[in-house]
Amino acid sequence: MTDIARRPAGELEAAVLAALWAAHTPLTPPQVQQSLGGTLARTTVATILARLYDKGTVVRSRAGRAYAYTPAVEDEAALAARRMHSELEKGDDRSGVLARFVSRLSPDDEQVLRLLLSQPQPTPKGASPDTSHESGSPSRQGAPEPRRQQ
């Protein structure tokens, strides 16, 4: 075992994403490396970008012989929401997952969620204004309020 301390999981990915968000333009791995202060090896930066690409967190386009990367999400809130959706999609019991999630919200977060759910949602172009989920679950408007665990 080595004495070198490991970074917390996701710290490098977060730093790379922060560099891409700050750039407002596609960056190649050497450009990302430079924007991070040059402390990481180019291969490390390239590996992180490849992992982010595999996760769908960044998109890439050809820039000469290399790739230039752009975030696929606009900010940290969108990234967190994407992760939450990903976790929700993994299970078969969506209602159970959502109920447990909501039961552990702080009162302030619960209030924010209630406010967000009460606001009308825009209908995507070409879609019918039906608010029910594809699985046939009731719309938010008629759904009972979730119970909070004490």
N, C-alpha and C. Protein backbone atom coordinates (compact mmCIF):
# COMPACT_ATOMS: atom_id res chain seq x y z
N MET A 1 0.84 -1.18 0.00
CA MET A 1 0.00 0.00 0.00
C MET A 1 0.89 1.24 0.00
N THR A 2 0.50 2.25 -0.73
CA THR A 2 1.31 3.46 -0.83
C THR A 2 0.84 4.49 0.18
N ASP A 3 1.68 5.48 0.43
CA ASP A 3 1.35 6.56 1.34
C ASP A 3 0.66 7.72 0.64
N ILE A 4 0.49 7.62 -0.67
CA ILE A 4 -0.12 8.70 -1.44
C ILE A 4 -1.62 8.70 -1.17
N ALA A 5 -2.12 9.86 -0.76
CA ALA A 5 -3.56 9.98 -0.48
C ALA A 5 -4.32 10.06 -1.80
N ARG A 6 -5.42 9.30 -1.85
CA ARG A 6 -6.25 9.33 -3.04
C ARG A 6 -7.28 10.44 -2.91
N ARG A 7 -7.63 11.02 -4.05
CA ARG A 7 -8.67 12.06 -4.06
C ARG A 7 -10.03 11.40 -3.87
N PRO A 8 -10.98 12.14 -3.31
CA PRO A 8 -12.33 11.60 -3.20
C PRO A 8 -12.89 11.29 -4.59
N ALA A 9 -13.74 10.26 -4.65
CA ALA A 9 -14.34 9.86 -5.92
C ALA A 9 -15.07 11.03 -6.56
N GLY A 10 -14.81 11.24 -7.82
CA GLY A 10 -15.50 12.28 -8.57
C GLY A 10 -14.84 13.65 -8.52
N GLU A 11 -13.84 13.82 -7.69
CA GLU A 11 -13.21 15.14 -7.56
C GLU A 11 -12.56 15.59 -8.86
N LEU A 12 -11.83 14.69 -9.51
CA LEU A 12 -11.18 15.06 -10.78
C LEU A 12 -12.21 15.30 -11.87
N GLU A 13 -13.25 14.47 -11.91
CA GLU A 13 -14.31 14.68 -12.91
C GLU A 13 -14.95 16.05 -12.69
N ALA A 14 -15.20 16.40 -11.44
CA ALA A 14 -15.81 17.70 -11.14
C ALA A 14 -14.89 18.84 -11.58
N ALA A 15 -13.60 18.69 -11.35
CA ALA A 15 -12.65 19.73 -11.75
C ALA A 15 -12.60 19.88 -13.26
N VAL A 16 -12.61 18.76 -13.98
CA VAL A 16 -12.59 18.81 -15.44
C VAL A 16 -13.87 19.46 -15.96
N LEU A 17 -15.01 19.07 -15.40
CA LEU A 17 -16.28 19.69 -15.82
C LEU A 17 -16.28 21.19 -15.53
N ALA A 18 -15.76 21.58 -14.38
CA ALA A 18 -15.70 23.01 -14.05
C ALA A 18 -14.86 23.77 -15.07
N ALA A 19 -13.76 23.16 -15.50
CA ALA A 19 -12.91 23.80 -16.52
C ALA A 19 -13.66 23.92 -17.84
N LEU A 20 -14.41 22.91 -18.22
CA LEU A 20 -15.19 22.96 -19.47
C LEU A 20 -16.30 23.99 -19.38
N TRP A 21 -16.99 24.06 -18.24
CA TRP A 21 -18.06 25.05 -18.08
C TRP A 21 -17.47 26.47 -18.15
N ALA A 22 -16.34 26.67 -17.53
CA ALA A 22 -15.72 28.01 -17.51
C ALA A 22 -15.24 28.43 -18.89
N ALA A 23 -14.87 27.48 -19.73
CA ALA A 23 -14.30 27.80 -21.04
C ALA A 23 -15.34 28.31 -22.02
N HIS A 24 -16.57 27.84 -21.94
CA HIS A 24 -17.64 28.21 -22.87
C HIS A 24 -17.28 27.90 -24.32
N THR A 25 -16.34 27.00 -24.52
CA THR A 25 -15.94 26.58 -25.85
C THR A 25 -15.34 25.18 -25.73
N PRO A 26 -15.40 24.36 -26.77
CA PRO A 26 -14.81 23.02 -26.68
C PRO A 26 -13.31 23.09 -26.38
N LEU A 27 -12.85 22.16 -25.53
CA LEU A 27 -11.44 22.10 -25.17
C LEU A 27 -10.87 20.72 -25.47
N THR A 28 -9.63 20.69 -25.91
CA THR A 28 -8.89 19.44 -26.09
C THR A 28 -8.29 19.04 -24.74
N PRO A 29 -7.87 17.78 -24.58
CA PRO A 29 -7.25 17.39 -23.31
C PRO A 29 -6.08 18.28 -22.88
N PRO A 30 -5.15 18.65 -23.79
CA PRO A 30 -4.08 19.56 -23.33
C PRO A 30 -4.60 20.93 -22.85
N GLN A 31 -5.67 21.42 -23.48
CA GLN A 31 -6.25 22.69 -23.05
C GLN A 31 -6.90 22.56 -21.67
N VAL A 32 -7.57 21.42 -21.44
CA VAL A 32 -8.15 21.17 -20.11
C VAL A 32 -7.04 21.08 -19.09
N GLN A 33 -5.99 20.33 -19.42
CA GLN A 33 -4.84 20.19 -18.53
C GLN A 33 -4.28 21.56 -18.15
N GLN A 34 -4.11 22.42 -19.13
CA GLN A 34 -3.58 23.76 -18.89
C GLN A 34 -4.53 24.56 -18.01
N SER A 35 -5.82 24.46 -18.25
CA SER A 35 -6.78 25.24 -17.46
C SER A 35 -6.84 24.76 -16.01
N LEU A 36 -6.42 23.52 -15.77
CA LEU A 36 -6.37 22.99 -14.40
C LEU A 36 -5.04 23.27 -13.72
N GLY A 37 -4.20 24.05 -14.37
CA GLY A 37 -2.93 24.43 -13.78
C GLY A 37 -1.78 23.53 -14.15
N GLY A 38 -2.01 22.56 -15.02
CA GLY A 38 -0.94 21.69 -15.47
C GLY A 38 -0.44 20.69 -14.45
N THR A 39 -1.17 20.52 -13.35
CA THR A 39 -0.71 19.60 -12.30
C THR A 39 -1.02 18.15 -12.60
N LEU A 40 -1.98 17.89 -13.46
CA LEU A 40 -2.34 16.52 -13.83
C LEU A 40 -1.64 16.12 -15.11
N ALA A 41 -1.33 14.85 -15.24
CA ALA A 41 -0.74 14.35 -16.48
C ALA A 41 -1.78 14.43 -17.60
N ARG A 42 -1.30 14.66 -18.82
CA ARG A 42 -2.20 14.74 -19.97
C ARG A 42 -2.99 13.45 -20.11
N THR A 43 -2.35 12.31 -19.85
CA THR A 43 -3.05 11.03 -19.98
C THR A 43 -4.16 10.90 -18.93
N THR A 44 -3.93 11.45 -17.75
CA THR A 44 -4.97 11.43 -16.71
C THR A 44 -6.17 12.25 -17.16
N VAL A 45 -5.91 13.43 -17.69
CA VAL A 45 -6.99 14.29 -18.18
C VAL A 45 -7.74 13.61 -19.32
N ALA A 46 -7.00 12.99 -20.23
CA ALA A 46 -7.63 12.29 -21.36
C ALA A 46 -8.50 11.14 -20.85
N THR A 47 -8.03 10.42 -19.85
CA THR A 47 -8.81 9.31 -19.28
C THR A 47 -10.08 9.82 -18.63
N ILE A 48 -9.99 10.91 -17.88
CA ILE A 48 -11.17 11.49 -17.24
C ILE A 48 -12.18 11.93 -18.29
N LEU A 49 -11.70 12.59 -19.34
CA LEU A 49 -12.60 13.03 -20.41
C LEU A 49 -13.25 11.84 -21.10
N ALA A 50 -12.50 10.77 -21.32
CA ALA A 50 -13.08 9.57 -21.94
C ALA A 50 -14.16 8.96 -21.05
N ARG A 51 -13.92 8.94 -19.76
CA ARG A 51 -14.93 8.40 -18.82
C ARG A 51 -16.18 9.28 -18.81
N LEU A 52 -15.97 10.59 -18.80
CA LEU A 52 -17.12 11.49 -18.85
C LEU A 52 -17.90 11.32 -20.15
N TYR A 53 -17.18 11.09 -21.24
CA TYR A 53 -17.84 10.85 -22.53
C TYR A 53 -18.65 9.55 -22.48
N ASP A 54 -18.06 8.50 -21.92
CA ASP A 54 -18.77 7.22 -21.81
C ASP A 54 -20.04 7.34 -20.96
N LYS A 55 -20.01 8.22 -19.98
CA LYS A 55 -21.18 8.45 -19.12
C LYS A 55 -22.21 9.37 -19.76
N GLY A 56 -21.84 10.00 -20.89
CA GLY A 56 -22.75 10.93 -21.54
C GLY A 56 -22.74 12.32 -20.91
N THR A 57 -21.74 12.59 -20.08
CA THR A 57 -21.66 13.88 -19.40
C THR A 57 -21.02 14.94 -20.26
N VAL A 58 -20.18 14.53 -21.21
CA VAL A 58 -19.59 15.45 -22.19
C VAL A 58 -19.81 14.89 -23.58
N VAL A 59 -19.76 15.77 -24.56
CA VAL A 59 -19.80 15.36 -25.97
C VAL A 59 -18.46 15.76 -26.57
N ARG A 60 -18.10 15.10 -27.64
CA ARG A 60 -16.82 15.40 -28.26
C ARG A 60 -16.97 15.58 -29.75
N SER A 61 -16.06 16.35 -30.31
CA SER A 61 -16.03 16.58 -31.75
C SER A 61 -14.57 16.57 -32.18
N ARG A 62 -14.35 16.27 -33.43
CA ARG A 62 -12.98 16.22 -33.95
C ARG A 62 -12.36 17.61 -33.96
N ALA A 63 -11.12 17.67 -33.51
CA ALA A 63 -10.33 18.90 -33.54
C ALA A 63 -8.95 18.49 -34.05
N GLY A 64 -8.82 18.40 -35.36
CA GLY A 64 -7.58 17.88 -35.94
C GLY A 64 -7.51 16.39 -35.72
N ARG A 65 -6.42 15.92 -35.16
CA ARG A 65 -6.27 14.49 -34.88
C ARG A 65 -6.83 14.11 -33.51
N ALA A 66 -7.21 15.08 -32.72
CA ALA A 66 -7.69 14.83 -31.37
C ALA A 66 -9.19 15.13 -31.28
N TYR A 67 -9.72 15.07 -30.09
CA TYR A 67 -11.10 15.45 -29.82
C TYR A 67 -11.11 16.70 -28.95
N ALA A 68 -12.15 17.49 -29.14
CA ALA A 68 -12.43 18.62 -28.25
C ALA A 68 -13.73 18.29 -27.53
N TYR A 69 -13.79 18.61 -26.25
CA TYR A 69 -14.90 18.20 -25.40
C TYR A 69 -15.71 19.41 -24.95
N THR A 70 -17.03 19.18 -24.86
CA THR A 70 -17.99 20.18 -24.40
C THR A 70 -18.91 19.51 -23.40
N PRO A 71 -19.30 20.18 -22.31
CA PRO A 71 -20.23 19.56 -21.36
C PRO A 71 -21.58 19.28 -22.02
N ALA A 72 -22.17 18.14 -21.69
CA ALA A 72 -23.50 17.80 -22.19
C ALA A 72 -24.58 18.32 -21.24
N VAL A 73 -24.16 18.80 -20.08
CA VAL A 73 -25.08 19.39 -19.09
C VAL A 73 -24.61 20.81 -18.83
N GLU A 74 -25.57 21.68 -18.53
CA GLU A 74 -25.23 23.11 -18.45
C GLU A 74 -24.62 23.56 -17.13
N ASP A 75 -24.82 22.80 -16.04
CA ASP A 75 -24.25 23.20 -14.76
C ASP A 75 -24.32 22.04 -13.77
N GLU A 76 -23.87 22.30 -12.55
CA GLU A 76 -23.84 21.25 -11.53
C GLU A 76 -25.24 20.75 -11.18
N ALA A 77 -26.22 21.63 -11.17
CA ALA A 77 -27.59 21.22 -10.85
C ALA A 77 -28.11 20.24 -11.90
N ALA A 78 -27.84 20.53 -13.16
CA ALA A 78 -28.27 19.63 -14.24
C ALA A 78 -27.54 18.29 -14.15
N LEU A 79 -26.28 18.32 -13.75
CA LEU A 79 -25.51 17.09 -13.60
C LEU A 79 -26.09 16.24 -12.47
N ALA A 80 -26.41 16.86 -11.34
CA ALA A 80 -27.01 16.13 -10.22
C ALA A 80 -28.36 15.55 -10.62
N ALA A 81 -29.16 16.33 -11.34
CA ALA A 81 -30.46 15.84 -11.79
C ALA A 81 -30.30 14.64 -12.72
N ARG A 82 -29.31 14.70 -13.60
CA ARG A 82 -29.05 13.58 -14.51
C ARG A 82 -28.69 12.33 -13.72
N ARG A 83 -27.87 12.48 -12.70
CA ARG A 83 -27.48 11.34 -11.86
C ARG A 83 -28.69 10.77 -11.13
N MET A 84 -29.55 11.64 -10.63
CA MET A 84 -30.75 11.19 -9.93
C MET A 84 -31.66 10.41 -10.87
N HIS A 85 -31.84 10.91 -12.08
CA HIS A 85 -32.65 10.19 -13.07
C HIS A 85 -32.03 8.84 -13.39
N SER A 86 -30.72 8.80 -13.52
CA SER A 86 -30.03 7.56 -13.83
C SER A 86 -30.27 6.52 -12.73
N GLU A 87 -30.18 6.94 -11.49
CA GLU A 87 -30.43 6.03 -10.37
C GLU A 87 -31.88 5.55 -10.37
N LEU A 88 -32.80 6.44 -10.67
CA LEU A 88 -34.21 6.10 -10.69
C LEU A 88 -34.50 5.06 -11.78
N GLU A 89 -33.83 5.17 -12.90
CA GLU A 89 -34.03 4.24 -14.01
C GLU A 89 -33.50 2.84 -13.73
N LYS A 90 -32.59 2.71 -12.79
CA LYS A 90 -31.97 1.41 -12.51
C LYS A 90 -32.90 0.42 -11.84
N GLY A 91 -33.85 0.90 -11.07
CA GLY A 91 -34.70 0.01 -10.29
C GLY A 91 -36.04 -0.26 -10.95
N ASP A 92 -36.71 -1.29 -10.44
CA ASP A 92 -38.04 -1.64 -10.94
C ASP A 92 -39.13 -0.96 -10.13
N ASP A 93 -38.83 -0.54 -8.91
CA ASP A 93 -39.83 0.04 -8.01
C ASP A 93 -39.67 1.55 -7.95
N ARG A 94 -40.06 2.23 -9.02
CA ARG A 94 -39.92 3.68 -9.08
C ARG A 94 -40.67 4.36 -7.94
N SER A 95 -41.89 3.89 -7.66
CA SER A 95 -42.68 4.50 -6.59
C SER A 95 -41.97 4.37 -5.25
N GLY A 96 -41.41 3.19 -4.99
CA GLY A 96 -40.69 2.98 -3.74
C GLY A 96 -39.47 3.87 -3.62
N VAL A 97 -38.72 3.98 -4.70
CA VAL A 97 -37.53 4.83 -4.70
C VAL A 97 -37.93 6.28 -4.45
N LEU A 98 -38.93 6.76 -5.17
CA LEU A 98 -39.36 8.15 -5.00
C LEU A 98 -39.92 8.40 -3.60
N ALA A 99 -40.70 7.45 -3.07
CA ALA A 99 -41.28 7.62 -1.74
C ALA A 99 -40.18 7.70 -0.68
N ARG A 100 -39.17 6.86 -0.81
CA ARG A 100 -38.08 6.89 0.17
C ARG A 100 -37.25 8.16 0.02
N PHE A 101 -37.06 8.60 -1.20
CA PHE A 101 -36.33 9.85 -1.43
C PHE A 101 -37.07 11.02 -0.78
N VAL A 102 -38.36 11.13 -1.06
CA VAL A 102 -39.16 12.24 -0.55
C VAL A 102 -39.25 12.17 0.97
N SER A 103 -39.32 10.96 1.53
CA SER A 103 -39.46 10.84 2.99
C SER A 103 -38.23 11.34 3.74
N ARG A 104 -37.11 11.45 3.06
CA ARG A 104 -35.87 11.90 3.72
C ARG A 104 -35.52 13.35 3.39
N LEU A 105 -36.40 14.07 2.71
CA LEU A 105 -36.15 15.47 2.42
C LEU A 105 -36.30 16.29 3.69
N SER A 106 -35.51 17.34 3.79
CA SER A 106 -35.68 18.28 4.90
C SER A 106 -36.99 19.04 4.66
N PRO A 107 -37.55 19.64 5.69
CA PRO A 107 -38.78 20.42 5.49
C PRO A 107 -38.61 21.52 4.43
N ASP A 108 -37.45 22.16 4.41
CA ASP A 108 -37.21 23.21 3.41
C ASP A 108 -37.18 22.63 2.00
N ASP A 109 -36.49 21.49 1.83
CA ASP A 109 -36.44 20.85 0.51
C ASP A 109 -37.81 20.35 0.09
N GLU A 110 -38.58 19.85 1.05
CA GLU A 110 -39.93 19.38 0.74
C GLU A 110 -40.79 20.55 0.26
N GLN A 111 -40.63 21.70 0.89
CA GLN A 111 -41.39 22.89 0.48
C GLN A 111 -41.01 23.31 -0.94
N VAL A 112 -39.72 23.29 -1.25
CA VAL A 112 -39.27 23.62 -2.61
C VAL A 112 -39.83 22.63 -3.61
N LEU A 113 -39.80 21.34 -3.28
CA LEU A 113 -40.33 20.33 -4.19
C LEU A 113 -41.83 20.53 -4.42
N ARG A 114 -42.58 20.80 -3.36
CA ARG A 114 -44.03 21.05 -3.52
C ARG A 114 -44.28 22.25 -4.43
N LEU A 115 -43.50 23.31 -4.25
CA LEU A 115 -43.64 24.50 -5.08
C LEU A 115 -43.36 24.16 -6.55
N LEU A 116 -42.28 23.43 -6.78
CA LEU A 116 -41.92 23.06 -8.16
C LEU A 116 -42.99 22.18 -8.79
N LEU A 117 -43.54 21.24 -8.03
CA LEU A 117 -44.56 20.34 -8.57
C LEU A 117 -45.89 21.05 -8.82
N SER A 118 -46.13 22.15 -8.14
CA SER A 118 -47.39 22.87 -8.34
C SER A 118 -47.35 23.78 -9.55
N GLN A 119 -46.16 24.05 -10.07
CA GLN A 119 -46.04 24.93 -11.24
C GLN A 119 -46.35 24.16 -12.51
N PRO A 120 -47.08 24.79 -13.45
CA PRO A 120 -47.35 24.11 -14.71
C PRO A 120 -46.06 23.85 -15.48
N GLN A 121 -45.98 22.69 -16.10
CA GLN A 121 -44.80 22.33 -16.87
C GLN A 121 -45.06 22.60 -18.35
N PRO A 122 -44.07 23.13 -19.06
CA PRO A 122 -44.26 23.37 -20.50
C PRO A 122 -44.40 22.03 -21.24
N THR A 123 -45.23 22.02 -22.27
CA THR A 123 -45.41 20.84 -23.09
C THR A 123 -44.42 20.89 -24.24
N PRO A 124 -43.61 19.83 -24.42
CA PRO A 124 -42.65 19.83 -25.54
C PRO A 124 -43.37 19.93 -26.87
N LYS A 125 -42.70 20.53 -27.86
CA LYS A 125 -43.29 20.67 -29.19
C LYS A 125 -43.72 19.32 -29.73
N GLY A 126 -44.91 19.27 -30.25
CA GLY A 126 -45.41 18.06 -30.88
C GLY A 126 -45.98 17.04 -29.92
N ALA A 127 -45.89 17.30 -28.61
CA ALA A 127 -46.40 16.36 -27.62
C ALA A 127 -47.80 16.80 -27.19
N SER A 128 -48.61 15.82 -26.79
CA SER A 128 -49.93 16.15 -26.28
C SER A 128 -49.78 16.64 -24.84
N PRO A 129 -50.70 17.45 -24.36
CA PRO A 129 -50.59 18.01 -23.02
C PRO A 129 -50.90 17.01 -21.92
N ASP A 130 -50.94 15.71 -22.19
CA ASP A 130 -51.19 14.68 -21.19
C ASP A 130 -50.06 14.69 -20.18
N THR A 131 -50.39 14.79 -18.89
CA THR A 131 -49.35 14.87 -17.86
C THR A 131 -49.07 13.54 -17.21
N SER A 132 -49.70 12.46 -17.64
CA SER A 132 -49.44 11.17 -17.00
C SER A 132 -48.14 10.58 -17.52
N HIS A 133 -47.54 9.73 -16.71
CA HIS A 133 -46.30 9.04 -17.06
C HIS A 133 -46.61 7.91 -18.02
N GLU A 134 -45.62 7.51 -18.82
CA GLU A 134 -45.83 6.46 -19.81
C GLU A 134 -46.35 5.17 -19.18
N SER A 135 -46.01 4.90 -17.93
CA SER A 135 -46.41 3.65 -17.30
C SER A 135 -47.87 3.67 -16.85
N GLY A 136 -48.53 4.80 -17.04
CA GLY A 136 -49.93 4.87 -16.67
C GLY A 136 -50.16 5.37 -15.26
N SER A 137 -49.14 5.83 -14.58
CA SER A 137 -49.32 6.34 -13.23
C SER A 137 -50.06 7.66 -13.29
N PRO A 138 -50.74 8.03 -12.22
CA PRO A 138 -51.52 9.27 -12.25
C PRO A 138 -50.63 10.49 -12.38
N SER A 139 -51.23 11.57 -12.85
CA SER A 139 -50.48 12.81 -12.99
C SER A 139 -50.19 13.38 -11.61
N ARG A 140 -49.32 14.37 -11.56
CA ARG A 140 -48.97 14.99 -10.29
C ARG A 140 -50.17 15.66 -9.65
N GLN A 141 -51.03 16.22 -10.47
CA GLN A 141 -52.14 17.00 -9.94
C GLN A 141 -53.06 16.16 -9.05
N GLY A 142 -53.32 14.89 -9.43
CA GLY A 142 -54.23 14.06 -8.67
C GLY A 142 -53.55 13.11 -7.72
N ALA A 143 -52.24 13.12 -7.66
CA ALA A 143 -51.51 12.18 -6.81
C ALA A 143 -51.59 12.60 -5.35
N PRO A 144 -51.69 11.63 -4.45
CA PRO A 144 -51.72 11.99 -3.03
C PRO A 144 -50.36 12.52 -2.60
N GLU A 145 -50.38 13.32 -1.54
CA GLU A 145 -49.12 13.85 -1.02
C GLU A 145 -48.35 12.71 -0.37
N PRO A 146 -47.04 12.65 -0.57
CA PRO A 146 -46.25 11.58 0.04
C PRO A 146 -46.17 11.76 1.54
N ARG A 147 -46.10 10.64 2.26
CA ARG A 147 -45.95 10.70 3.71
C ARG A 147 -44.50 10.83 4.07
N ARG A 148 -44.24 11.61 5.07
CA ARG A 148 -42.87 11.78 5.56
C ARG A 148 -42.68 10.86 6.75
N GLN A 149 -41.51 10.20 6.77
CA GLN A 149 -41.18 9.36 7.93
C GLN A 149 -40.73 10.26 9.05
N GLN A 150 -41.11 9.92 10.27
CA GLN A 150 -40.74 10.71 11.45
C GLN A 150 -39.39 10.28 11.97
